[in-house]
Amino acid sequence: MSAIRVKLVKGLGRVPEAHLLVVRGLGLKKMNSTKILPDNPQTLGMIAKVHYLVAWERVDAAPPVGRKFRKQPAAGA
């Protein structure tokens, strides 16, 4: 399975609030920030909504695994 590399290429000034939320949902925060995301219809739909703000390409990297690597709570707490 492939992945998608997304890069924020335009600033977020004067952008509709709904599009700001989509960009944040993609994990992009500042200009020129990049993320590797899974290649699925949900990701492509988000990219299509903000196509004028981002550049993307398919890569052969492994897609992210999700919340697997989050810090686990302490066992004694």
N, C-alpha and C. Protein backbone atom coordinates (compact mmCIF):
# COMPACT_ATOMS: atom_id res chain seq x y z
N MET A 1 0.85 -1.18 0.00
CA MET A 1 0.00 0.00 0.00
C MET A 1 0.89 1.24 0.00
N SER A 2 0.51 2.24 -0.73
CA SER A 2 1.32 3.44 -0.83
C SER A 2 0.82 4.51 0.13
N ALA A 3 1.52 5.59 0.14
CA ALA A 3 1.17 6.71 1.00
C ALA A 3 1.19 7.98 0.16
N ILE A 4 0.76 9.07 0.76
CA ILE A 4 0.71 10.36 0.09
C ILE A 4 1.51 11.36 0.92
N ARG A 5 2.39 12.10 0.26
CA ARG A 5 3.12 13.18 0.93
C ARG A 5 2.41 14.48 0.59
N VAL A 6 1.96 15.20 1.62
CA VAL A 6 1.23 16.45 1.44
C VAL A 6 2.08 17.59 1.99
N LYS A 7 2.14 18.70 1.24
CA LYS A 7 2.92 19.86 1.67
C LYS A 7 2.05 21.10 1.56
N LEU A 8 2.06 21.92 2.61
CA LEU A 8 1.32 23.19 2.61
C LEU A 8 2.17 24.22 1.88
N VAL A 9 1.69 24.70 0.72
CA VAL A 9 2.50 25.59 -0.11
C VAL A 9 2.02 27.04 -0.08
N LYS A 10 0.87 27.32 0.49
CA LYS A 10 0.37 28.69 0.59
C LYS A 10 0.04 28.99 2.03
N GLY A 11 0.04 30.27 2.36
CA GLY A 11 -0.29 30.69 3.71
C GLY A 11 -1.77 30.55 4.01
N LEU A 12 -2.11 30.62 5.29
CA LEU A 12 -3.48 30.39 5.71
C LEU A 12 -4.24 31.68 6.02
N GLY A 13 -3.66 32.83 5.69
CA GLY A 13 -4.37 34.09 5.88
C GLY A 13 -5.52 34.22 4.89
N ARG A 14 -6.62 34.74 5.35
CA ARG A 14 -7.81 34.97 4.51
C ARG A 14 -8.34 33.69 3.88
N VAL A 15 -8.27 32.60 4.63
CA VAL A 15 -8.78 31.31 4.17
C VAL A 15 -10.05 31.02 4.97
N PRO A 16 -11.10 30.48 4.35
CA PRO A 16 -12.31 30.17 5.10
C PRO A 16 -12.04 29.22 6.28
N GLU A 17 -12.82 29.39 7.33
CA GLU A 17 -12.64 28.60 8.56
C GLU A 17 -12.72 27.10 8.29
N ALA A 18 -13.62 26.69 7.42
CA ALA A 18 -13.77 25.26 7.11
C ALA A 18 -12.49 24.71 6.48
N HIS A 19 -11.83 25.51 5.67
CA HIS A 19 -10.59 25.05 5.03
C HIS A 19 -9.44 25.02 6.02
N LEU A 20 -9.44 25.93 7.00
CA LEU A 20 -8.44 25.87 8.06
C LEU A 20 -8.56 24.56 8.84
N LEU A 21 -9.79 24.16 9.12
CA LEU A 21 -10.00 22.91 9.85
C LEU A 21 -9.53 21.70 9.05
N VAL A 22 -9.72 21.73 7.74
CA VAL A 22 -9.26 20.62 6.90
C VAL A 22 -7.74 20.56 6.89
N VAL A 23 -7.08 21.71 6.79
CA VAL A 23 -5.62 21.74 6.79
C VAL A 23 -5.09 21.21 8.12
N ARG A 24 -5.71 21.61 9.22
CA ARG A 24 -5.30 21.10 10.54
C ARG A 24 -5.56 19.60 10.62
N GLY A 25 -6.65 19.13 10.03
CA GLY A 25 -6.96 17.71 10.02
C GLY A 25 -5.93 16.90 9.24
N LEU A 26 -5.33 17.52 8.25
CA LEU A 26 -4.26 16.86 7.51
C LEU A 26 -2.95 16.85 8.28
N GLY A 27 -2.90 17.60 9.38
CA GLY A 27 -1.69 17.63 10.20
C GLY A 27 -0.69 18.68 9.79
N LEU A 28 -1.12 19.64 8.97
CA LEU A 28 -0.22 20.70 8.50
C LEU A 28 -0.42 21.95 9.35
N LYS A 29 0.68 22.57 9.76
CA LYS A 29 0.57 23.72 10.65
C LYS A 29 1.13 24.99 10.04
N LYS A 30 2.31 24.93 9.47
CA LYS A 30 2.96 26.11 8.91
C LYS A 30 3.25 25.88 7.43
N MET A 31 3.57 26.98 6.74
CA MET A 31 3.94 26.85 5.34
C MET A 31 5.15 25.94 5.20
N ASN A 32 5.17 25.16 4.14
CA ASN A 32 6.24 24.22 3.81
C ASN A 32 6.32 23.04 4.76
N SER A 33 5.33 22.85 5.62
CA SER A 33 5.32 21.64 6.45
C SER A 33 4.78 20.48 5.63
N THR A 34 5.30 19.29 5.88
CA THR A 34 4.90 18.11 5.12
C THR A 34 4.46 17.01 6.07
N LYS A 35 3.59 16.15 5.57
CA LYS A 35 3.13 14.98 6.30
C LYS A 35 2.99 13.83 5.32
N ILE A 36 3.23 12.63 5.82
CA ILE A 36 2.96 11.43 5.03
C ILE A 36 1.68 10.83 5.58
N LEU A 37 0.70 10.67 4.72
CA LEU A 37 -0.64 10.22 5.11
C LEU A 37 -1.01 8.97 4.32
N PRO A 38 -1.96 8.18 4.83
CA PRO A 38 -2.38 6.99 4.09
C PRO A 38 -3.11 7.37 2.81
N ASP A 39 -2.96 6.53 1.80
CA ASP A 39 -3.61 6.75 0.51
C ASP A 39 -5.00 6.12 0.57
N ASN A 40 -6.00 6.91 0.97
CA ASN A 40 -7.37 6.42 1.05
C ASN A 40 -8.33 7.51 0.58
N PRO A 41 -9.58 7.18 0.34
CA PRO A 41 -10.53 8.18 -0.17
C PRO A 41 -10.74 9.37 0.78
N GLN A 42 -10.63 9.15 2.08
CA GLN A 42 -10.82 10.23 3.03
C GLN A 42 -9.72 11.28 2.88
N THR A 43 -8.48 10.83 2.78
CA THR A 43 -7.37 11.76 2.61
C THR A 43 -7.47 12.50 1.28
N LEU A 44 -7.81 11.79 0.22
CA LEU A 44 -7.92 12.44 -1.09
C LEU A 44 -9.07 13.45 -1.11
N GLY A 45 -10.14 13.19 -0.40
CA GLY A 45 -11.24 14.14 -0.32
C GLY A 45 -10.84 15.42 0.41
N MET A 46 -10.06 15.27 1.48
CA MET A 46 -9.58 16.45 2.20
C MET A 46 -8.64 17.27 1.33
N ILE A 47 -7.77 16.58 0.59
CA ILE A 47 -6.85 17.28 -0.31
C ILE A 47 -7.63 18.00 -1.40
N ALA A 48 -8.67 17.38 -1.92
CA ALA A 48 -9.46 18.01 -2.98
C ALA A 48 -10.13 19.29 -2.48
N LYS A 49 -10.51 19.32 -1.22
CA LYS A 49 -11.19 20.50 -0.68
C LYS A 49 -10.25 21.69 -0.58
N VAL A 50 -8.98 21.43 -0.29
CA VAL A 50 -8.01 22.52 -0.12
C VAL A 50 -6.90 22.43 -1.18
N HIS A 51 -7.26 22.02 -2.38
CA HIS A 51 -6.29 21.79 -3.45
C HIS A 51 -5.47 23.02 -3.78
N TYR A 52 -6.01 24.21 -3.55
CA TYR A 52 -5.29 25.44 -3.86
C TYR A 52 -4.26 25.81 -2.79
N LEU A 53 -4.24 25.10 -1.68
CA LEU A 53 -3.30 25.39 -0.59
C LEU A 53 -2.17 24.37 -0.48
N VAL A 54 -2.36 23.18 -1.06
CA VAL A 54 -1.41 22.09 -0.84
C VAL A 54 -0.89 21.53 -2.15
N ALA A 55 0.25 20.87 -2.06
CA ALA A 55 0.80 20.07 -3.15
C ALA A 55 0.95 18.66 -2.60
N TRP A 56 0.71 17.66 -3.44
CA TRP A 56 0.81 16.29 -2.94
C TRP A 56 1.37 15.38 -4.01
N GLU A 57 1.90 14.24 -3.55
CA GLU A 57 2.42 13.22 -4.45
C GLU A 57 2.33 11.86 -3.77
N ARG A 58 2.19 10.83 -4.58
CA ARG A 58 2.20 9.47 -4.04
C ARG A 58 3.65 9.03 -3.85
N VAL A 59 3.92 8.38 -2.73
CA VAL A 59 5.28 7.90 -2.43
C VAL A 59 5.18 6.43 -2.07
N ASP A 60 6.31 5.75 -2.14
CA ASP A 60 6.34 4.33 -1.82
C ASP A 60 6.66 4.05 -0.36
N ALA A 61 6.60 5.06 0.46
CA ALA A 61 6.85 4.88 1.89
C ALA A 61 5.67 4.15 2.53
N ALA A 62 5.91 3.55 3.66
CA ALA A 62 4.83 2.88 4.38
C ALA A 62 3.91 3.95 4.97
N PRO A 63 2.59 3.73 4.91
CA PRO A 63 1.68 4.70 5.49
C PRO A 63 1.81 4.71 7.01
N PRO A 64 1.44 5.80 7.66
CA PRO A 64 1.52 5.85 9.12
C PRO A 64 0.60 4.81 9.75
N VAL A 65 0.96 4.37 10.94
CA VAL A 65 0.23 3.28 11.58
C VAL A 65 -0.83 3.77 12.55
N GLY A 66 -0.96 5.05 12.79
CA GLY A 66 -2.00 5.56 13.66
C GLY A 66 -1.50 5.81 15.07
N ARG A 67 -2.29 5.42 16.04
CA ARG A 67 -1.99 5.75 17.43
C ARG A 67 -1.16 4.69 18.14
N LYS A 68 -0.60 3.78 17.39
CA LYS A 68 0.13 2.67 17.98
C LYS A 68 1.31 3.14 18.82
N PHE A 69 1.97 4.20 18.37
CA PHE A 69 3.20 4.62 19.02
C PHE A 69 2.98 5.73 20.05
N ARG A 70 1.74 5.97 20.45
CA ARG A 70 1.50 6.96 21.50
C ARG A 70 2.08 6.49 22.81
N LYS A 71 2.40 7.44 23.65
CA LYS A 71 2.97 7.12 24.95
C LYS A 71 1.92 6.38 25.80
N GLN A 72 2.31 5.26 26.34
CA GLN A 72 1.42 4.46 27.16
C GLN A 72 1.37 5.03 28.58
N PRO A 73 0.19 4.99 29.25
CA PRO A 73 0.12 5.49 30.63
C PRO A 73 0.94 4.60 31.55
N ALA A 74 1.42 5.20 32.63
CA ALA A 74 2.23 4.45 33.59
C ALA A 74 1.39 3.38 34.26
N ALA A 75 1.98 2.22 34.51
CA ALA A 75 1.24 1.08 35.05
C ALA A 75 0.89 1.32 36.52
N GLY A 76 1.71 2.03 37.26
CA GLY A 76 1.46 2.24 38.68
C GLY A 76 0.55 3.40 38.99
N ALA A 77 0.25 4.22 38.02
CA ALA A 77 -0.55 5.43 38.29
C ALA A 77 -2.02 5.19 38.23
